C-alpha atoms as a PDB file:
ATOM      1  CA  UNK A   1     160.311  -4.922  64.652  1.00  0.00           C
ATOM      2  CA  UNK A   2     156.846  -5.472  66.195  1.00  0.00           C
ATOM      3  CA  UNK A   3     157.905  -3.808  69.454  1.00  0.00           C
ATOM      4  CA  UNK A   4     158.785  -0.623  67.575  1.00  0.00           C
ATOM      5  CA  UNK A   5     155.369  -0.752  65.897  1.00  0.00           C
ATOM      6  CA  UNK A   6     153.714  -0.881  69.322  1.00  0.00           C
ATOM      7  CA  UNK A   7     155.262   2.490  70.115  1.00  0.00           C
ATOM      8  CA  UNK A   8     153.386   4.247  67.303  1.00  0.00           C
ATOM      9  CA  UNK A   9     150.660   6.626  68.513  1.00  0.00           C
ATOM     10  CA  UNK A  10     147.886   5.333  66.274  1.00  0.00           C
ATOM     11  CA  UNK A  11     146.964   2.438  64.076  1.00  0.00           C
ATOM     12  CA  UNK A  12     144.531   2.420  61.180  1.00  0.00           C
ATOM     13  CA  UNK A  13     141.950  -0.335  60.999  1.00  0.00           C
ATOM     14  CA  UNK A  14     140.048  -1.089  57.825  1.00  0.00           C
ATOM     15  CA  UNK A  15     136.854  -3.051  58.346  1.00  0.00           C
ATOM     16  CA  UNK A  16     134.222  -4.121  55.843  1.00  0.00           C
ATOM     17  CA  UNK A  17     131.037  -2.072  56.170  1.00  0.00           C
ATOM     18  CA  UNK A  18     128.308  -4.351  57.481  1.00  0.00           C
ATOM     19  CA  UNK A  19     125.675  -2.706  55.240  1.00  0.00           C
ATOM     20  CA  UNK A  20     127.622  -1.348  52.258  1.00  0.00           C
ATOM     21  CA  UNK A  21     130.361  -3.968  52.033  1.00  0.00           C
ATOM     22  CA  UNK A  22     132.792  -1.108  51.413  1.00  0.00           C
ATOM     23  CA  UNK A  23     136.112  -0.607  53.208  1.00  0.00           C
ATOM     24  CA  UNK A  24     135.866   1.650  56.272  1.00  0.00           C
ATOM     25  CA  UNK A  25     139.067   2.978  57.872  1.00  0.00           C
ATOM     26  CA  UNK A  26     139.443   4.461  61.347  1.00  0.00           C
ATOM     27  CA  UNK A  27     142.397   5.921  63.210  1.00  0.00           C
ATOM     28  CA  UNK A  28     142.535   4.619  66.769  1.00  0.00           C
ATOM     29  CA  UNK A  29     144.698   4.285  69.864  1.00  0.00           C
ATOM     30  CA  UNK A  30     146.066   0.800  70.422  1.00  0.00           C
ATOM     31  CA  UNK A  31     148.219  -1.331  72.644  1.00  0.00           C
ATOM     32  CA  UNK A  32     150.277  -4.213  71.325  1.00  0.00           C
ATOM     33  CA  UNK A  33     151.258  -7.506  72.902  1.00  0.00           C
ATOM     34  CA  UNK A  34     153.062  -9.892  70.578  1.00  0.00           C
ATOM     35  CA  UNK A  35     151.024 -10.162  67.393  1.00  0.00           C
ATOM     36  CA  UNK A  36     147.793  -8.941  69.009  1.00  0.00           C
ATOM     37  CA  UNK A  37     146.667  -5.344  69.155  1.00  0.00           C
ATOM     38  CA  UNK A  38     144.066  -4.112  71.616  1.00  0.00           C
ATOM     39  CA  UNK A  39     141.729  -1.139  71.369  1.00  0.00           C
ATOM     40  CA  UNK A  40     139.054   0.224  73.679  1.00  0.00           C
ATOM     41  CA  UNK A  41     135.711   1.237  72.193  1.00  0.00           C
ATOM     42  CA  UNK A  42     134.124   4.039  74.204  1.00  0.00           C
ATOM     43  CA  UNK A  43     130.897   3.452  72.272  1.00  0.00           C
ATOM     44  CA  UNK A  44     130.936  -0.250  73.096  1.00  0.00           C
ATOM     45  CA  UNK A  45     129.192  -2.455  70.562  1.00  0.00           C
ATOM     46  CA  UNK A  46     127.357   0.609  69.204  1.00  0.00           C
ATOM     47  CA  UNK A  47     130.525   1.834  67.454  1.00  0.00           C
ATOM     48  CA  UNK A  48     130.381   1.245  63.718  1.00  0.00           C
ATOM     49  CA  UNK A  49     133.857  -0.276  63.570  1.00  0.00           C
ATOM     50  CA  UNK A  50     132.960  -2.776  66.308  1.00  0.00           C
ATOM     51  CA  UNK A  51     129.687  -3.687  64.596  1.00  0.00           C
ATOM     52  CA  UNK A  52     131.603  -4.178  61.351  1.00  0.00           C
ATOM     53  CA  UNK A  53     134.074  -6.515  63.081  1.00  0.00           C
ATOM     54  CA  UNK A  54     131.222  -8.495  64.641  1.00  0.00           C
ATOM     55  CA  UNK A  55     129.760  -9.101  61.172  1.00  0.00           C
ATOM     56  CA  UNK A  56     133.060  -9.564  59.298  1.00  0.00           C
ATOM     57  CA  UNK A  57     136.059 -10.240  61.588  1.00  0.00           C
ATOM     58  CA  UNK A  58     138.614 -10.078  58.746  1.00  0.00           C
ATOM     59  CA  UNK A  59     140.333  -6.671  58.878  1.00  0.00           C
ATOM     60  CA  UNK A  60     143.471  -4.904  57.712  1.00  0.00           C
ATOM     61  CA  UNK A  61     145.637  -2.995  60.175  1.00  0.00           C
ATOM     62  CA  UNK A  62     148.171  -0.354  59.197  1.00  0.00           C
ATOM     63  CA  UNK A  63     150.820   0.656  61.701  1.00  0.00           C
ATOM     64  CA  UNK A  64     153.362   3.179  60.483  1.00  0.00           C
ATOM     65  CA  UNK A  65     153.945   2.079  56.873  1.00  0.00           C
ATOM     66  CA  UNK A  66     153.255  -1.624  57.408  1.00  0.00           C
ATOM     67  CA  UNK A  67     149.973  -3.384  56.721  1.00  0.00           C
ATOM     68  CA  UNK A  68     148.814  -6.613  58.277  1.00  0.00           C
ATOM     69  CA  UNK A  69     145.791  -8.818  57.754  1.00  0.00           C
ATOM     70  CA  UNK A  70     144.075  -9.724  60.997  1.00  0.00           C
ATOM     71  CA  UNK A  71     141.023 -11.145  62.695  1.00  0.00           C
ATOM     72  CA  UNK A  72     139.058  -8.964  65.086  1.00  0.00           C
ATOM     73  CA  UNK A  73     137.216 -10.126  68.174  1.00  0.00           C
ATOM     74  CA  UNK A  74     135.558  -8.810  71.300  1.00  0.00           C
ATOM     75  CA  UNK A  75     137.767  -9.599  74.285  1.00  0.00           C
ATOM     76  CA  UNK A  76     135.951 -12.109  76.503  1.00  0.00           C
ATOM     77  CA  UNK A  77     138.734 -13.547  78.666  1.00  0.00           C
ATOM     78  CA  UNK A  78     139.242 -11.715  81.998  1.00  0.00           C
ATOM     79  CA  UNK A  79     143.049 -11.793  81.782  1.00  0.00           C
ATOM     80  CA  UNK A  80     142.970 -10.493  78.198  1.00  0.00           C
ATOM     81  CA  UNK A  81     140.514  -7.781  79.277  1.00  0.00           C
ATOM     82  CA  UNK A  82     142.825  -6.626  82.080  1.00  0.00           C
ATOM     83  CA  UNK A  83     145.823  -6.678  79.715  1.00  0.00           C
ATOM     84  CA  UNK A  84     144.019  -4.560  77.114  1.00  0.00           C
ATOM     85  CA  UNK A  85     143.025  -1.920  79.670  1.00  0.00           C
ATOM     86  CA  UNK A  86     146.480  -1.835  81.254  1.00  0.00           C
ATOM     87  CA  UNK A  87     148.290  -1.520  77.903  1.00  0.00           C
ATOM     88  CA  UNK A  88     146.173   1.382  76.721  1.00  0.00           C
ATOM     89  CA  UNK A  89     146.100   3.288  79.994  1.00  0.00           C
ATOM     90  CA  UNK A  90     149.866   2.928  80.471  1.00  0.00           C
ATOM     91  CA  UNK A  91     150.518   4.055  76.902  1.00  0.00           C
ATOM     92  CA  UNK A  92     148.199   7.071  76.750  1.00  0.00           C
ATOM     93  CA  UNK A  93     147.548   8.384  80.282  1.00  0.00           C
ATOM     94  CA  UNK A  94     150.767  10.384  80.467  1.00  0.00           C
ATOM     95  CA  UNK A  95     150.255  12.117  77.114  1.00  0.00           C
ATOM     96  CA  UNK A  96     146.515  12.814  77.278  1.00  0.00           C
ATOM     97  CA  UNK A  97     145.320  16.039  78.911  1.00  0.00           C
ATOM     98  CA  UNK A  98     142.083  14.591  80.300  1.00  0.00           C
ATOM     99  CA  UNK A  99     141.234  11.788  82.696  1.00  0.00           C
ATOM    100  CA  UNK A 100     141.141   8.367  81.046  1.00  0.00           C
ATOM    101  CA  UNK A 101     140.108   6.466  84.182  1.00  0.00           C
ATOM    102  CA  UNK A 102     136.412   6.096  83.296  1.00  0.00           C
ATOM    103  CA  UNK A 103     137.159   5.179  79.691  1.00  0.00           C
ATOM    104  CA  UNK A 104     139.769   2.678  80.819  1.00  0.00           C
ATOM    105  CA  UNK A 105     137.291   1.060  83.173  1.00  0.00           C
ATOM    106  CA  UNK A 106     134.107   1.008  81.039  1.00  0.00           C
ATOM    107  CA  UNK A 107     135.117   0.915  77.351  1.00  0.00           C
ATOM    108  CA  UNK A 108     134.712  -2.339  75.439  1.00  0.00           C
ATOM    109  CA  UNK A 109     138.041  -4.096  74.793  1.00  0.00           C
ATOM    110  CA  UNK A 110     138.508  -5.322  71.232  1.00  0.00           C
ATOM    111  CA  UNK A 111     141.458  -7.368  69.989  1.00  0.00           C
ATOM    112  CA  UNK A 112     142.843  -7.987  66.542  1.00  0.00           C
ATOM    113  CA  UNK A 113     145.095 -10.973  66.067  1.00  0.00           C
ATOM    114  CA  UNK A 114     147.537  -9.982  63.329  1.00  0.00           C
ATOM    115  CA  UNK A 115     149.131 -12.294  60.811  1.00  0.00           C
ATOM    116  CA  UNK A 116     152.665 -10.950  60.802  1.00  0.00           C
ATOM    117  CA  UNK A 117     155.003 -12.340  58.188  1.00  0.00           C
ATOM    118  CA  UNK A 118     158.708 -11.639  58.266  1.00  0.00           C
END
């Protein structure tokens, strides 16, 4: 089941606003490995969704019609970093009209560890 979810084009991440405390949902590209999803933030730590995760790591992720609780984190491990970049570039390079090379090299990798229940 999770492998089919990884083939979806987008996921929807709901964070808690760091100032308002209100839910904030974004649509974003993602790569999936097991129960972890990876995203790349072109705005780095300046992106609101990343700043929200840094303050409150508990998030909700919706993929297709399924929702999962998860814990967000900035990817710090070199192997995890390489995996995140590879997953996203392999998934989206062939379908995107532009050049993703720079984004794939410089964007900040963020992971969300999902709690998937059967």
